[in-house]
Amino acid sequence: ASGLVYFGGVYHGPSDQLGIAVDADQAELMWPD
């Protein structure tokens, strides 16, 4: 299991909406695909 926080940060402009904060401890089990 991993907590998920939608960050939606700006890199170039307001439409970027980048970044999802997740837990790193079980990343290889969570998203192998």
mmCIF file of all heavy atoms, coordinates in Angstrom:
data_MODEL
# 
_entry.id   MODEL 
# 
loop_
_atom_site.group_PDB 
_atom_site.id 
_atom_site.type_symbol 
_atom_site.label_atom_id 
_atom_site.label_alt_id 
_atom_site.label_comp_id 
_atom_site.label_asym_id 
_atom_site.label_entity_id 
_atom_site.label_seq_id 
_atom_site.pdbx_PDB_ins_code 
_atom_site.Cartn_x 
_atom_site.Cartn_y 
_atom_site.Cartn_z 
_atom_site.occupancy 
_atom_site.B_iso_or_equiv 
_atom_site.pdbx_formal_charge 
_atom_site.auth_seq_id 
_atom_site.auth_comp_id 
_atom_site.auth_asym_id 
_atom_site.auth_atom_id 
_atom_site.pdbx_PDB_model_num 
ATOM 1   N N   . ALA A 1 1  ? 0.845  -1.191 0.000   1.00 0.00 ? 1  ALA A N   1 
ATOM 2   C CA  . ALA A 1 1  ? 0.000  0.000  0.000   1.00 0.00 ? 1  ALA A CA  1 
ATOM 3   C C   . ALA A 1 1  ? 0.878  1.238  0.000   1.00 0.00 ? 1  ALA A C   1 
ATOM 4   O O   . ALA A 1 1  ? 1.986  1.239  0.548   1.00 0.00 ? 1  ALA A O   1 
ATOM 5   C CB  . ALA A 1 1  ? -0.940 0.009  1.204   1.00 0.00 ? 1  ALA A CB  1 
ATOM 6   N N   . SER A 1 2  ? 0.378  2.285  -0.613  1.00 0.00 ? 2  SER A N   1 
ATOM 7   C CA  . SER A 1 2  ? 1.121  3.541  -0.674  1.00 0.00 ? 2  SER A CA  1 
ATOM 8   C C   . SER A 1 2  ? 0.155  4.701  -0.572  1.00 0.00 ? 2  SER A C   1 
ATOM 9   O O   . SER A 1 2  ? -0.863 4.744  -1.271  1.00 0.00 ? 2  SER A O   1 
ATOM 10  C CB  . SER A 1 2  ? 1.906  3.647  -1.990  1.00 0.00 ? 2  SER A CB  1 
ATOM 11  O OG  . SER A 1 2  ? 2.469  4.942  -2.150  1.00 0.00 ? 2  SER A OG  1 
ATOM 12  N N   . GLY A 1 3  ? 0.471  5.625  0.332   1.00 0.00 ? 3  GLY A N   1 
ATOM 13  C CA  . GLY A 1 3  ? -0.288 6.860  0.376   1.00 0.00 ? 3  GLY A CA  1 
ATOM 14  C C   . GLY A 1 3  ? -0.019 7.683  -0.876  1.00 0.00 ? 3  GLY A C   1 
ATOM 15  O O   . GLY A 1 3  ? 1.078  7.655  -1.436  1.00 0.00 ? 3  GLY A O   1 
ATOM 16  N N   . LEU A 1 4  ? -1.016 8.402  -1.327  1.00 0.00 ? 4  LEU A N   1 
ATOM 17  C CA  . LEU A 1 4  ? -0.895 9.171  -2.559  1.00 0.00 ? 4  LEU A CA  1 
ATOM 18  C C   . LEU A 1 4  ? -1.403 10.590 -2.314  1.00 0.00 ? 4  LEU A C   1 
ATOM 19  O O   . LEU A 1 4  ? -2.526 10.775 -1.829  1.00 0.00 ? 4  LEU A O   1 
ATOM 20  C CB  . LEU A 1 4  ? -1.695 8.491  -3.671  1.00 0.00 ? 4  LEU A CB  1 
ATOM 21  C CG  . LEU A 1 4  ? -1.661 9.070  -5.081  1.00 0.00 ? 4  LEU A CG  1 
ATOM 22  C CD1 . LEU A 1 4  ? -1.890 7.959  -6.104  1.00 0.00 ? 4  LEU A CD1 1 
ATOM 23  C CD2 . LEU A 1 4  ? -2.733 10.149 -5.279  1.00 0.00 ? 4  LEU A CD2 1 
ATOM 24  N N   . VAL A 1 5  ? -0.560 11.551 -2.640  1.00 0.00 ? 5  VAL A N   1 
ATOM 25  C CA  . VAL A 1 5  ? -0.948 12.961 -2.558  1.00 0.00 ? 5  VAL A CA  1 
ATOM 26  C C   . VAL A 1 5  ? -0.774 13.579 -3.938  1.00 0.00 ? 5  VAL A C   1 
ATOM 27  O O   . VAL A 1 5  ? 0.329  13.551 -4.498  1.00 0.00 ? 5  VAL A O   1 
ATOM 28  C CB  . VAL A 1 5  ? -0.109 13.736 -1.526  1.00 0.00 ? 5  VAL A CB  1 
ATOM 29  C CG1 . VAL A 1 5  ? -0.478 15.222 -1.543  1.00 0.00 ? 5  VAL A CG1 1 
ATOM 30  C CG2 . VAL A 1 5  ? -0.307 13.164 -0.128  1.00 0.00 ? 5  VAL A CG2 1 
ATOM 31  N N   . TYR A 1 6  ? -1.853 14.110 -4.483  1.00 0.00 ? 6  TYR A N   1 
ATOM 32  C CA  . TYR A 1 6  ? -1.754 14.768 -5.789  1.00 0.00 ? 6  TYR A CA  1 
ATOM 33  C C   . TYR A 1 6  ? -1.169 16.162 -5.577  1.00 0.00 ? 6  TYR A C   1 
ATOM 34  O O   . TYR A 1 6  ? -1.786 17.030 -4.958  1.00 0.00 ? 6  TYR A O   1 
ATOM 35  C CB  . TYR A 1 6  ? -3.126 14.847 -6.436  1.00 0.00 ? 6  TYR A CB  1 
ATOM 36  C CG  . TYR A 1 6  ? -3.095 15.529 -7.787  1.00 0.00 ? 6  TYR A CG  1 
ATOM 37  C CD1 . TYR A 1 6  ? -2.456 14.933 -8.867  1.00 0.00 ? 6  TYR A CD1 1 
ATOM 38  C CD2 . TYR A 1 6  ? -3.701 16.768 -7.971  1.00 0.00 ? 6  TYR A CD2 1 
ATOM 39  C CE1 . TYR A 1 6  ? -2.414 15.542 -10.105 1.00 0.00 ? 6  TYR A CE1 1 
ATOM 40  C CE2 . TYR A 1 6  ? -3.662 17.386 -9.216  1.00 0.00 ? 6  TYR A CE2 1 
ATOM 41  C CZ  . TYR A 1 6  ? -3.011 16.775 -10.265 1.00 0.00 ? 6  TYR A CZ  1 
ATOM 42  O OH  . TYR A 1 6  ? -2.969 17.393 -11.486 1.00 0.00 ? 6  TYR A OH  1 
ATOM 43  N N   . PHE A 1 7  ? 0.032  16.376 -6.109  1.00 0.00 ? 7  PHE A N   1 
ATOM 44  C CA  . PHE A 1 7  ? 0.733  17.641 -5.903  1.00 0.00 ? 7  PHE A CA  1 
ATOM 45  C C   . PHE A 1 7  ? 0.326  18.679 -6.951  1.00 0.00 ? 7  PHE A C   1 
ATOM 46  O O   . PHE A 1 7  ? 0.017  19.820 -6.625  1.00 0.00 ? 7  PHE A O   1 
ATOM 47  C CB  . PHE A 1 7  ? 2.250  17.411 -5.939  1.00 0.00 ? 7  PHE A CB  1 
ATOM 48  C CG  . PHE A 1 7  ? 3.050  18.644 -5.658  1.00 0.00 ? 7  PHE A CG  1 
ATOM 49  C CD1 . PHE A 1 7  ? 3.080  19.195 -4.386  1.00 0.00 ? 7  PHE A CD1 1 
ATOM 50  C CD2 . PHE A 1 7  ? 3.776  19.264 -6.674  1.00 0.00 ? 7  PHE A CD2 1 
ATOM 51  C CE1 . PHE A 1 7  ? 3.814  20.345 -4.127  1.00 0.00 ? 7  PHE A CE1 1 
ATOM 52  C CE2 . PHE A 1 7  ? 4.517  20.409 -6.419  1.00 0.00 ? 7  PHE A CE2 1 
ATOM 53  C CZ  . PHE A 1 7  ? 4.534  20.949 -5.145  1.00 0.00 ? 7  PHE A CZ  1 
ATOM 54  N N   . GLY A 1 8  ? 0.341  18.300 -8.223  1.00 0.00 ? 8  GLY A N   1 
ATOM 55  C CA  . GLY A 1 8  ? -0.097 19.211 -9.282  1.00 0.00 ? 8  GLY A CA  1 
ATOM 56  C C   . GLY A 1 8  ? 0.720  20.479 -9.356  1.00 0.00 ? 8  GLY A C   1 
ATOM 57  O O   . GLY A 1 8  ? 0.176  21.585 -9.451  1.00 0.00 ? 8  GLY A O   1 
ATOM 58  N N   . GLY A 1 9  ? 2.068  20.334 -9.326  1.00 0.00 ? 9  GLY A N   1 
ATOM 59  C CA  . GLY A 1 9  ? 2.930  21.511 -9.342  1.00 0.00 ? 9  GLY A CA  1 
ATOM 60  C C   . GLY A 1 9  ? 3.149  22.077 -10.737 1.00 0.00 ? 9  GLY A C   1 
ATOM 61  O O   . GLY A 1 9  ? 2.914  21.420 -11.750 1.00 0.00 ? 9  GLY A O   1 
ATOM 62  N N   . VAL A 1 10 ? 3.611  23.317 -10.778 1.00 0.00 ? 10 VAL A N   1 
ATOM 63  C CA  . VAL A 1 10 ? 3.855  24.027 -12.031 1.00 0.00 ? 10 VAL A CA  1 
ATOM 64  C C   . VAL A 1 10 ? 5.342  23.989 -12.343 1.00 0.00 ? 10 VAL A C   1 
ATOM 65  O O   . VAL A 1 10 ? 6.173  24.277 -11.478 1.00 0.00 ? 10 VAL A O   1 
ATOM 66  C CB  . VAL A 1 10 ? 3.361  25.483 -11.939 1.00 0.00 ? 10 VAL A CB  1 
ATOM 67  C CG1 . VAL A 1 10 ? 3.826  26.290 -13.147 1.00 0.00 ? 10 VAL A CG1 1 
ATOM 68  C CG2 . VAL A 1 10 ? 1.843  25.519 -11.819 1.00 0.00 ? 10 VAL A CG2 1 
ATOM 69  N N   . TYR A 1 11 ? 5.667  23.634 -13.585 1.00 0.00 ? 11 TYR A N   1 
ATOM 70  C CA  . TYR A 1 11 ? 7.056  23.702 -14.034 1.00 0.00 ? 11 TYR A CA  1 
ATOM 71  C C   . TYR A 1 11 ? 7.259  24.874 -14.993 1.00 0.00 ? 11 TYR A C   1 
ATOM 72  O O   . TYR A 1 11 ? 8.077  25.756 -14.753 1.00 0.00 ? 11 TYR A O   1 
ATOM 73  C CB  . TYR A 1 11 ? 7.463  22.389 -14.702 1.00 0.00 ? 11 TYR A CB  1 
ATOM 74  C CG  . TYR A 1 11 ? 8.901  22.381 -15.180 1.00 0.00 ? 11 TYR A CG  1 
ATOM 75  C CD1 . TYR A 1 11 ? 9.946  22.402 -14.267 1.00 0.00 ? 11 TYR A CD1 1 
ATOM 76  C CD2 . TYR A 1 11 ? 9.202  22.364 -16.540 1.00 0.00 ? 11 TYR A CD2 1 
ATOM 77  C CE1 . TYR A 1 11 ? 11.269 22.415 -14.695 1.00 0.00 ? 11 TYR A CE1 1 
ATOM 78  C CE2 . TYR A 1 11 ? 10.521 22.364 -16.979 1.00 0.00 ? 11 TYR A CE2 1 
ATOM 79  C CZ  . TYR A 1 11 ? 11.547 22.396 -16.055 1.00 0.00 ? 11 TYR A CZ  1 
ATOM 80  O OH  . TYR A 1 11 ? 12.848 22.411 -16.486 1.00 0.00 ? 11 TYR A OH  1 
ATOM 81  N N   . HIS A 1 12 ? 6.479  24.915 -16.068 1.00 0.00 ? 12 HIS A N   1 
ATOM 82  C CA  . HIS A 1 12 ? 6.551  26.025 -17.019 1.00 0.00 ? 12 HIS A CA  1 
ATOM 83  C C   . HIS A 1 12 ? 5.359  26.961 -16.891 1.00 0.00 ? 12 HIS A C   1 
ATOM 84  O O   . HIS A 1 12 ? 5.518  28.173 -16.861 1.00 0.00 ? 12 HIS A O   1 
ATOM 85  C CB  . HIS A 1 12 ? 6.617  25.498 -18.452 1.00 0.00 ? 12 HIS A CB  1 
ATOM 86  C CG  . HIS A 1 12 ? 7.998  25.121 -18.882 1.00 0.00 ? 12 HIS A CG  1 
ATOM 87  N ND1 . HIS A 1 12 ? 8.248  24.262 -19.933 1.00 0.00 ? 12 HIS A ND1 1 
ATOM 88  C CD2 . HIS A 1 12 ? 9.208  25.477 -18.412 1.00 0.00 ? 12 HIS A CD2 1 
ATOM 89  C CE1 . HIS A 1 12 ? 9.554  24.106 -20.084 1.00 0.00 ? 12 HIS A CE1 1 
ATOM 90  N NE2 . HIS A 1 12 ? 10.147 24.834 -19.167 1.00 0.00 ? 12 HIS A NE2 1 
ATOM 91  N N   . GLY A 1 13 ? 4.175  26.389 -16.842 1.00 0.00 ? 13 GLY A N   1 
ATOM 92  C CA  . GLY A 1 13 ? 2.967  27.189 -16.818 1.00 0.00 ? 13 GLY A CA  1 
ATOM 93  C C   . GLY A 1 13 ? 1.888  26.540 -15.989 1.00 0.00 ? 13 GLY A C   1 
ATOM 94  O O   . GLY A 1 13 ? 2.024  25.397 -15.541 1.00 0.00 ? 13 GLY A O   1 
ATOM 95  N N   . PRO A 1 14 ? 0.772  27.246 -15.774 1.00 0.00 ? 14 PRO A N   1 
ATOM 96  C CA  . PRO A 1 14 ? -0.299 26.723 -14.915 1.00 0.00 ? 14 PRO A CA  1 
ATOM 97  C C   . PRO A 1 14 ? -0.911 25.412 -15.395 1.00 0.00 ? 14 PRO A C   1 
ATOM 98  O O   . PRO A 1 14 ? -1.530 24.698 -14.619 1.00 0.00 ? 14 PRO A O   1 
ATOM 99  C CB  . PRO A 1 14 ? -1.345 27.855 -14.958 1.00 0.00 ? 14 PRO A CB  1 
ATOM 100 C CG  . PRO A 1 14 ? -0.589 29.073 -15.347 1.00 0.00 ? 14 PRO A CG  1 
ATOM 101 C CD  . PRO A 1 14 ? 0.499  28.599 -16.256 1.00 0.00 ? 14 PRO A CD  1 
ATOM 102 N N   . SER A 1 15 ? -0.769 25.098 -16.673 1.00 0.00 ? 15 SER A N   1 
ATOM 103 C CA  . SER A 1 15 ? -1.375 23.877 -17.193 1.00 0.00 ? 15 SER A CA  1 
ATOM 104 C C   . SER A 1 15 ? -0.518 22.634 -16.978 1.00 0.00 ? 15 SER A C   1 
ATOM 105 O O   . SER A 1 15 ? -0.921 21.539 -17.347 1.00 0.00 ? 15 SER A O   1 
ATOM 106 C CB  . SER A 1 15 ? -1.653 24.028 -18.698 1.00 0.00 ? 15 SER A CB  1 
ATOM 107 O OG  . SER A 1 15 ? -0.446 24.257 -19.406 1.00 0.00 ? 15 SER A OG  1 
ATOM 108 N N   . ASP A 1 16 ? 0.672  22.779 -16.380 1.00 0.00 ? 16 ASP A N   1 
ATOM 109 C CA  . ASP A 1 16 ? 1.564  21.633 -16.220 1.00 0.00 ? 16 ASP A CA  1 
ATOM 110 C C   . ASP A 1 16 ? 0.982  20.574 -15.280 1.00 0.00 ? 16 ASP A C   1 
ATOM 111 O O   . ASP A 1 16 ? 0.836  19.429 -15.638 1.00 0.00 ? 16 ASP A O   1 
ATOM 112 C CB  . ASP A 1 16 ? 2.940  22.080 -15.707 1.00 0.00 ? 16 ASP A CB  1 
ATOM 113 C CG  . ASP A 1 16 ? 3.730  22.809 -16.764 1.00 0.00 ? 16 ASP A CG  1 
ATOM 114 O OD1 . ASP A 1 16 ? 3.361  22.706 -17.943 1.00 0.00 ? 16 ASP A OD1 1 
ATOM 115 O OD2 . ASP A 1 16 ? 4.698  23.496 -16.419 1.00 0.00 ? 16 ASP A OD2 1 
ATOM 116 N N   . GLN A 1 17 ? 0.689  20.966 -14.026 1.00 0.00 ? 17 GLN A N   1 
ATOM 117 C CA  . GLN A 1 17 ? 0.080  20.065 -13.046 1.00 0.00 ? 17 GLN A CA  1 
ATOM 118 C C   . GLN A 1 17 ? 0.883  18.769 -12.896 1.00 0.00 ? 17 GLN A C   1 
ATOM 119 O O   . GLN A 1 17 ? 0.405  17.672 -13.168 1.00 0.00 ? 17 GLN A O   1 
ATOM 120 C CB  . GLN A 1 17 ? -1.366 19.741 -13.440 1.00 0.00 ? 17 GLN A CB  1 
ATOM 121 C CG  . GLN A 1 17 ? -2.245 20.961 -13.543 1.00 0.00 ? 17 GLN A CG  1 
ATOM 122 C CD  . GLN A 1 17 ? -3.666 20.646 -13.978 1.00 0.00 ? 17 GLN A CD  1 
ATOM 123 O OE1 . GLN A 1 17 ? -4.062 19.496 -14.072 1.00 0.00 ? 17 GLN A OE1 1 
ATOM 124 N NE2 . GLN A 1 17 ? -4.449 21.658 -14.252 1.00 0.00 ? 17 GLN A NE2 1 
ATOM 125 N N   . LEU A 1 18 ? 2.108  18.895 -12.451 1.00 0.00 ? 18 LEU A N   1 
ATOM 126 C CA  . LEU A 1 18 ? 3.009  17.749 -12.372 1.00 0.00 ? 18 LEU A CA  1 
ATOM 127 C C   . LEU A 1 18 ? 3.195  17.305 -10.927 1.00 0.00 ? 18 LEU A C   1 
ATOM 128 O O   . LEU A 1 18 ? 3.192  18.109 -10.005 1.00 0.00 ? 18 LEU A O   1 
ATOM 129 C CB  . LEU A 1 18 ? 4.387  18.116 -12.952 1.00 0.00 ? 18 LEU A CB  1 
ATOM 130 C CG  . LEU A 1 18 ? 4.417  18.702 -14.362 1.00 0.00 ? 18 LEU A CG  1 
ATOM 131 C CD1 . LEU A 1 18 ? 5.843  19.025 -14.757 1.00 0.00 ? 18 LEU A CD1 1 
ATOM 132 C CD2 . LEU A 1 18 ? 3.800  17.737 -15.351 1.00 0.00 ? 18 LEU A CD2 1 
ATOM 133 N N   . GLY A 1 19 ? 3.404  16.004 -10.750 1.00 0.00 ? 19 GLY A N   1 
ATOM 134 C CA  . GLY A 1 19 ? 3.852  15.479 -9.477  1.00 0.00 ? 19 GLY A CA  1 
ATOM 135 C C   . GLY A 1 19 ? 2.800  14.744 -8.673  1.00 0.00 ? 19 GLY A C   1 
ATOM 136 O O   . GLY A 1 19 ? 1.703  15.254 -8.431  1.00 0.00 ? 19 GLY A O   1 
ATOM 137 N N   . ILE A 1 20 ? 3.141  13.505 -8.297  1.00 0.00 ? 20 ILE A N   1 
ATOM 138 C CA  . ILE A 1 20 ? 2.324  12.708 -7.386  1.00 0.00 ? 20 ILE A CA  1 
ATOM 139 C C   . ILE A 1 20 ? 3.253  12.218 -6.280  1.00 0.00 ? 20 ILE A C   1 
ATOM 140 O O   . ILE A 1 20 ? 4.246  11.538 -6.547  1.00 0.00 ? 20 ILE A O   1 
ATOM 141 C CB  . ILE A 1 20 ? 1.691  11.501 -8.099  1.00 0.00 ? 20 ILE A CB  1 
ATOM 142 C CG1 . ILE A 1 20 ? 0.852  11.963 -9.292  1.00 0.00 ? 20 ILE A CG1 1 
ATOM 143 C CG2 . ILE A 1 20 ? 0.834  10.691 -7.138  1.00 0.00 ? 20 ILE A CG2 1 
ATOM 144 C CD1 . ILE A 1 20 ? 0.375  10.831 -10.184 1.00 0.00 ? 20 ILE A CD1 1 
ATOM 145 N N   . ALA A 1 21 ? 2.948  12.565 -5.054  1.00 0.00 ? 21 ALA A N   1 
ATOM 146 C CA  . ALA A 1 21 ? 3.766  12.133 -3.921  1.00 0.00 ? 21 ALA A CA  1 
ATOM 147 C C   . ALA A 1 21 ? 3.295  10.765 -3.449  1.00 0.00 ? 21 ALA A C   1 
ATOM 148 O O   . ALA A 1 21 ? 2.103  10.569 -3.188  1.00 0.00 ? 21 ALA A O   1 
ATOM 149 C CB  . ALA A 1 21 ? 3.674  13.151 -2.786  1.00 0.00 ? 21 ALA A CB  1 
ATOM 150 N N   . VAL A 1 22 ? 4.220  9.814  -3.353  1.00 0.00 ? 22 VAL A N   1 
ATOM 151 C CA  . VAL A 1 22 ? 3.887  8.443  -2.971  1.00 0.00 ? 22 VAL A CA  1 
ATOM 152 C C   . VAL A 1 22 ? 4.903  7.950  -1.946  1.00 0.00 ? 22 VAL A C   1 
ATOM 153 O O   . VAL A 1 22 ? 5.944  8.574  -1.724  1.00 0.00 ? 22 VAL A O   1 
ATOM 154 C CB  . VAL A 1 22 ? 3.889  7.502  -4.198  1.00 0.00 ? 22 VAL A CB  1 
ATOM 155 C CG1 . VAL A 1 22 ? 2.846  7.933  -5.218  1.00 0.00 ? 22 VAL A CG1 1 
ATOM 156 C CG2 . VAL A 1 22 ? 5.266  7.446  -4.846  1.00 0.00 ? 22 VAL A CG2 1 
ATOM 157 N N   . ASP A 1 23 ? 4.593  6.796  -1.349  1.00 0.00 ? 23 ASP A N   1 
ATOM 158 C CA  . ASP A 1 23 ? 5.518  6.170  -0.404  1.00 0.00 ? 23 ASP A CA  1 
ATOM 159 C C   . ASP A 1 23 ? 6.545  5.345  -1.170  1.00 0.00 ? 23 ASP A C   1 
ATOM 160 O O   . ASP A 1 23 ? 6.201  4.610  -2.108  1.00 0.00 ? 23 ASP A O   1 
ATOM 161 C CB  . ASP A 1 23 ? 4.753  5.277  0.575   1.00 0.00 ? 23 ASP A CB  1 
ATOM 162 C CG  . ASP A 1 23 ? 3.790  6.083  1.435   1.00 0.00 ? 23 ASP A CG  1 
ATOM 163 O OD1 . ASP A 1 23 ? 4.063  7.275  1.661   1.00 0.00 ? 23 ASP A OD1 1 
ATOM 164 O OD2 . ASP A 1 23 ? 2.764  5.517  1.858   1.00 0.00 ? 23 ASP A OD2 1 
ATOM 165 N N   . ALA A 1 24 ? 7.786  5.435  -0.731  1.00 0.00 ? 24 ALA A N   1 
ATOM 166 C CA  . ALA A 1 24 ? 8.873  4.761  -1.450  1.00 0.00 ? 24 ALA A CA  1 
ATOM 167 C C   . ALA A 1 24 ? 9.160  3.365  -0.933  1.00 0.00 ? 24 ALA A C   1 
ATOM 168 O O   . ALA A 1 24 ? 9.866  2.599  -1.593  1.00 0.00 ? 24 ALA A O   1 
ATOM 169 C CB  . ALA A 1 24 ? 10.155 5.608  -1.366  1.00 0.00 ? 24 ALA A CB  1 
ATOM 170 N N   . ASP A 1 25 ? 8.621  2.991  0.240   1.00 0.00 ? 25 ASP A N   1 
ATOM 171 C CA  . ASP A 1 25 ? 9.063  1.759  0.887   1.00 0.00 ? 25 ASP A CA  1 
ATOM 172 C C   . ASP A 1 25 ? 8.668  0.495  0.136   1.00 0.00 ? 25 ASP A C   1 
ATOM 173 O O   . ASP A 1 25 ? 9.361  -0.522 0.204   1.00 0.00 ? 25 ASP A O   1 
ATOM 174 C CB  . ASP A 1 25 ? 8.544  1.701  2.336   1.00 0.00 ? 25 ASP A CB  1 
ATOM 175 C CG  . ASP A 1 25 ? 7.042  1.861  2.421   1.00 0.00 ? 25 ASP A CG  1 
ATOM 176 O OD1 . ASP A 1 25 ? 6.431  2.282  1.414   1.00 0.00 ? 25 ASP A OD1 1 
ATOM 177 O OD2 . ASP A 1 25 ? 6.468  1.569  3.486   1.00 0.00 ? 25 ASP A OD2 1 
ATOM 178 N N   . GLN A 1 26 ? 7.560  0.513  -0.615  1.00 0.00 ? 26 GLN A N   1 
ATOM 179 C CA  . GLN A 1 26 ? 7.108  -0.677 -1.340  1.00 0.00 ? 26 GLN A CA  1 
ATOM 180 C C   . GLN A 1 26 ? 6.859  -0.365 -2.820  1.00 0.00 ? 26 GLN A C   1 
ATOM 181 O O   . GLN A 1 26 ? 6.008  -0.977 -3.459  1.00 0.00 ? 26 GLN A O   1 
ATOM 182 C CB  . GLN A 1 26 ? 5.824  -1.219 -0.703  1.00 0.00 ? 26 GLN A CB  1 
ATOM 183 C CG  . GLN A 1 26 ? 5.997  -1.735 0.720   1.00 0.00 ? 26 GLN A CG  1 
ATOM 184 C CD  . GLN A 1 26 ? 4.697  -2.249 1.308   1.00 0.00 ? 26 GLN A CD  1 
ATOM 185 O OE1 . GLN A 1 26 ? 3.687  -1.558 1.307   1.00 0.00 ? 26 GLN A OE1 1 
ATOM 186 N NE2 . GLN A 1 26 ? 4.716  -3.487 1.800   1.00 0.00 ? 26 GLN A NE2 1 
ATOM 187 N N   . ALA A 1 27 ? 7.638  0.533  -3.367  1.00 0.00 ? 27 ALA A N   1 
ATOM 188 C CA  . ALA A 1 27 ? 7.396  1.012  -4.733  1.00 0.00 ? 27 ALA A CA  1 
ATOM 189 C C   . ALA A 1 27 ? 7.479  -0.104 -5.765  1.00 0.00 ? 27 ALA A C   1 
ATOM 190 O O   . ALA A 1 27 ? 6.679  -0.166 -6.701  1.00 0.00 ? 27 ALA A O   1 
ATOM 191 C CB  . ALA A 1 27 ? 8.383  2.123  -5.082  1.00 0.00 ? 27 ALA A CB  1 
ATOM 192 N N   . GLU A 1 28 ? 8.464  -1.015 -5.601  1.00 0.00 ? 28 GLU A N   1 
ATOM 193 C CA  . GLU A 1 28 ? 8.619  -2.083 -6.593  1.00 0.00 ? 28 GLU A CA  1 
ATOM 194 C C   . GLU A 1 28 ? 7.465  -3.086 -6.541  1.00 0.00 ? 28 GLU A C   1 
ATOM 195 O O   . GLU A 1 28 ? 7.176  -3.763 -7.537  1.00 0.00 ? 28 GLU A O   1 
ATOM 196 C CB  . GLU A 1 28 ? 9.950  -2.823 -6.406  1.00 0.00 ? 28 GLU A CB  1 
ATOM 197 C CG  . GLU A 1 28 ? 10.077 -3.601 -5.117  1.00 0.00 ? 28 GLU A CG  1 
ATOM 198 C CD  . GLU A 1 28 ? 10.642 -2.762 -3.982  1.00 0.00 ? 28 GLU A CD  1 
ATOM 199 O OE1 . GLU A 1 28 ? 10.426 -1.537 -3.976  1.00 0.00 ? 28 GLU A OE1 1 
ATOM 200 O OE2 . GLU A 1 28 ? 11.309 -3.345 -3.092  1.00 0.00 ? 28 GLU A OE2 1 
ATOM 201 N N   . LEU A 1 29 ? 6.789  -3.197 -5.391  1.00 0.00 ? 29 LEU A N   1 
ATOM 202 C CA  . LEU A 1 29 ? 5.622  -4.069 -5.281  1.00 0.00 ? 29 LEU A CA  1 
ATOM 203 C C   . LEU A 1 29 ? 4.359  -3.390 -5.792  1.00 0.00 ? 29 LEU A C   1 
ATOM 204 O O   . LEU A 1 29 ? 3.452  -4.054 -6.294  1.00 0.00 ? 29 LEU A O   1 
ATOM 205 C CB  . LEU A 1 29 ? 5.419  -4.498 -3.826  1.00 0.00 ? 29 LEU A CB  1 
ATOM 206 C CG  . LEU A 1 29 ? 6.550  -5.310 -3.179  1.00 0.00 ? 29 LEU A CG  1 
ATOM 207 C CD1 . LEU A 1 29 ? 6.227  -5.601 -1.717  1.00 0.00 ? 29 LEU A CD1 1 
ATOM 208 C CD2 . LEU A 1 29 ? 6.775  -6.607 -3.946  1.00 0.00 ? 29 LEU A CD2 1 
ATOM 209 N N   . MET A 1 30 ? 4.315  -2.076 -5.673  1.00 0.00 ? 30 MET A N   1 
ATOM 210 C CA  . MET A 1 30 ? 3.116  -1.327 -6.048  1.00 0.00 ? 30 MET A CA  1 
ATOM 211 C C   . MET A 1 30 ? 2.985  -1.136 -7.554  1.00 0.00 ? 30 MET A C   1 
ATOM 212 O O   . MET A 1 30 ? 1.907  -1.273 -8.129  1.00 0.00 ? 30 MET A O   1 
ATOM 213 C CB  . MET A 1 30 ? 3.130  0.057  -5.381  1.00 0.00 ? 30 MET A CB  1 
ATOM 214 C CG  . MET A 1 30 ? 2.664  0.069  -3.939  1.00 0.00 ? 30 MET A CG  1 
ATOM 215 S SD  . MET A 1 30 ? 0.976  -0.523 -3.730  1.00 0.00 ? 30 MET A SD  1 
ATOM 216 C CE  . MET A 1 30 ? 0.099  0.403  -4.976  1.00 0.00 ? 30 MET A CE  1 
ATOM 217 N N   . TRP A 1 31 ? 4.102  -0.801 -8.237  1.00 0.00 ? 31 TRP A N   1 
ATOM 218 C CA  . TRP A 1 31 ? 3.999  -0.403 -9.649  1.00 0.00 ? 31 TRP A CA  1 
ATOM 219 C C   . TRP A 1 31 ? 5.018  -1.141 -10.522 1.00 0.00 ? 31 TRP A C   1 
ATOM 220 O O   . TRP A 1 31 ? 5.779  -0.504 -11.262 1.00 0.00 ? 31 TRP A O   1 
ATOM 221 C CB  . TRP A 1 31 ? 4.206  1.107  -9.788  1.00 0.00 ? 31 TRP A CB  1 
ATOM 222 C CG  . TRP A 1 31 ? 3.234  1.897  -8.976  1.00 0.00 ? 31 TRP A CG  1 
ATOM 223 C CD1 . TRP A 1 31 ? 1.916  2.099  -9.238  1.00 0.00 ? 31 TRP A CD1 1 
ATOM 224 C CD2 . TRP A 1 31 ? 3.517  2.604  -7.746  1.00 0.00 ? 31 TRP A CD2 1 
ATOM 225 N NE1 . TRP A 1 31 ? 1.348  2.873  -8.264  1.00 0.00 ? 31 TRP A NE1 1 
ATOM 226 C CE2 . TRP A 1 31 ? 2.302  3.205  -7.334  1.00 0.00 ? 31 TRP A CE2 1 
ATOM 227 C CE3 . TRP A 1 31 ? 4.661  2.779  -6.974  1.00 0.00 ? 31 TRP A CE3 1 
ATOM 228 C CZ2 . TRP A 1 31 ? 2.215  3.974  -6.182  1.00 0.00 ? 31 TRP A CZ2 1 
ATOM 229 C CZ3 . TRP A 1 31 ? 4.568  3.551  -5.829  1.00 0.00 ? 31 TRP A CZ3 1 
ATOM 230 C CH2 . TRP A 1 31 ? 3.360  4.122  -5.443  1.00 0.00 ? 31 TRP A CH2 1 
ATOM 231 N N   . PRO A 1 32 ? 5.031  -2.460 -10.503 1.00 0.00 ? 32 PRO A N   1 
ATOM 232 C CA  . PRO A 1 32 ? 5.962  -3.176 -11.393 1.00 0.00 ? 32 PRO A CA  1 
ATOM 233 C C   . PRO A 1 32 ? 5.648  -2.953 -12.864 1.00 0.00 ? 32 PRO A C   1 
ATOM 234 O O   . PRO A 1 32 ? 6.540  -2.933 -13.713 1.00 0.00 ? 32 PRO A O   1 
ATOM 235 C CB  . PRO A 1 32 ? 5.783  -4.643 -10.989 1.00 0.00 ? 32 PRO A CB  1 
ATOM 236 C CG  . PRO A 1 32 ? 4.426  -4.713 -10.367 1.00 0.00 ? 32 PRO A CG  1 
ATOM 237 C CD  . PRO A 1 32 ? 4.230  -3.394 -9.683  1.00 0.00 ? 32 PRO A CD  1 
ATOM 238 N N   . ASP A 1 33 ? 4.354  -2.776 -13.190 1.00 0.00 ? 33 ASP A N   1 
ATOM 239 C CA  . ASP A 1 33 ? 3.976  -2.542 -14.588 1.00 0.00 ? 33 ASP A CA  1 
ATOM 240 C C   . ASP A 1 33 ? 4.337  -1.140 -15.053 1.00 0.00 ? 33 ASP A C   1 
ATOM 241 O O   . ASP A 1 33 ? 4.324  -0.857 -16.253 1.00 0.00 ? 33 ASP A O   1 
ATOM 242 C CB  . ASP A 1 33 ? 2.481  -2.795 -14.786 1.00 0.00 ? 33 ASP A CB  1 
ATOM 243 C CG  . ASP A 1 33 ? 1.618  -2.009 -13.819 1.00 0.00 ? 33 ASP A CG  1 
ATOM 244 O OD1 . ASP A 1 33 ? 2.074  -1.722 -12.692 1.00 0.00 ? 33 ASP A OD1 1 
ATOM 245 O OD2 . ASP A 1 33 ? 0.472  -1.659 -14.184 1.00 0.00 ? 33 ASP A OD2 1 
# 
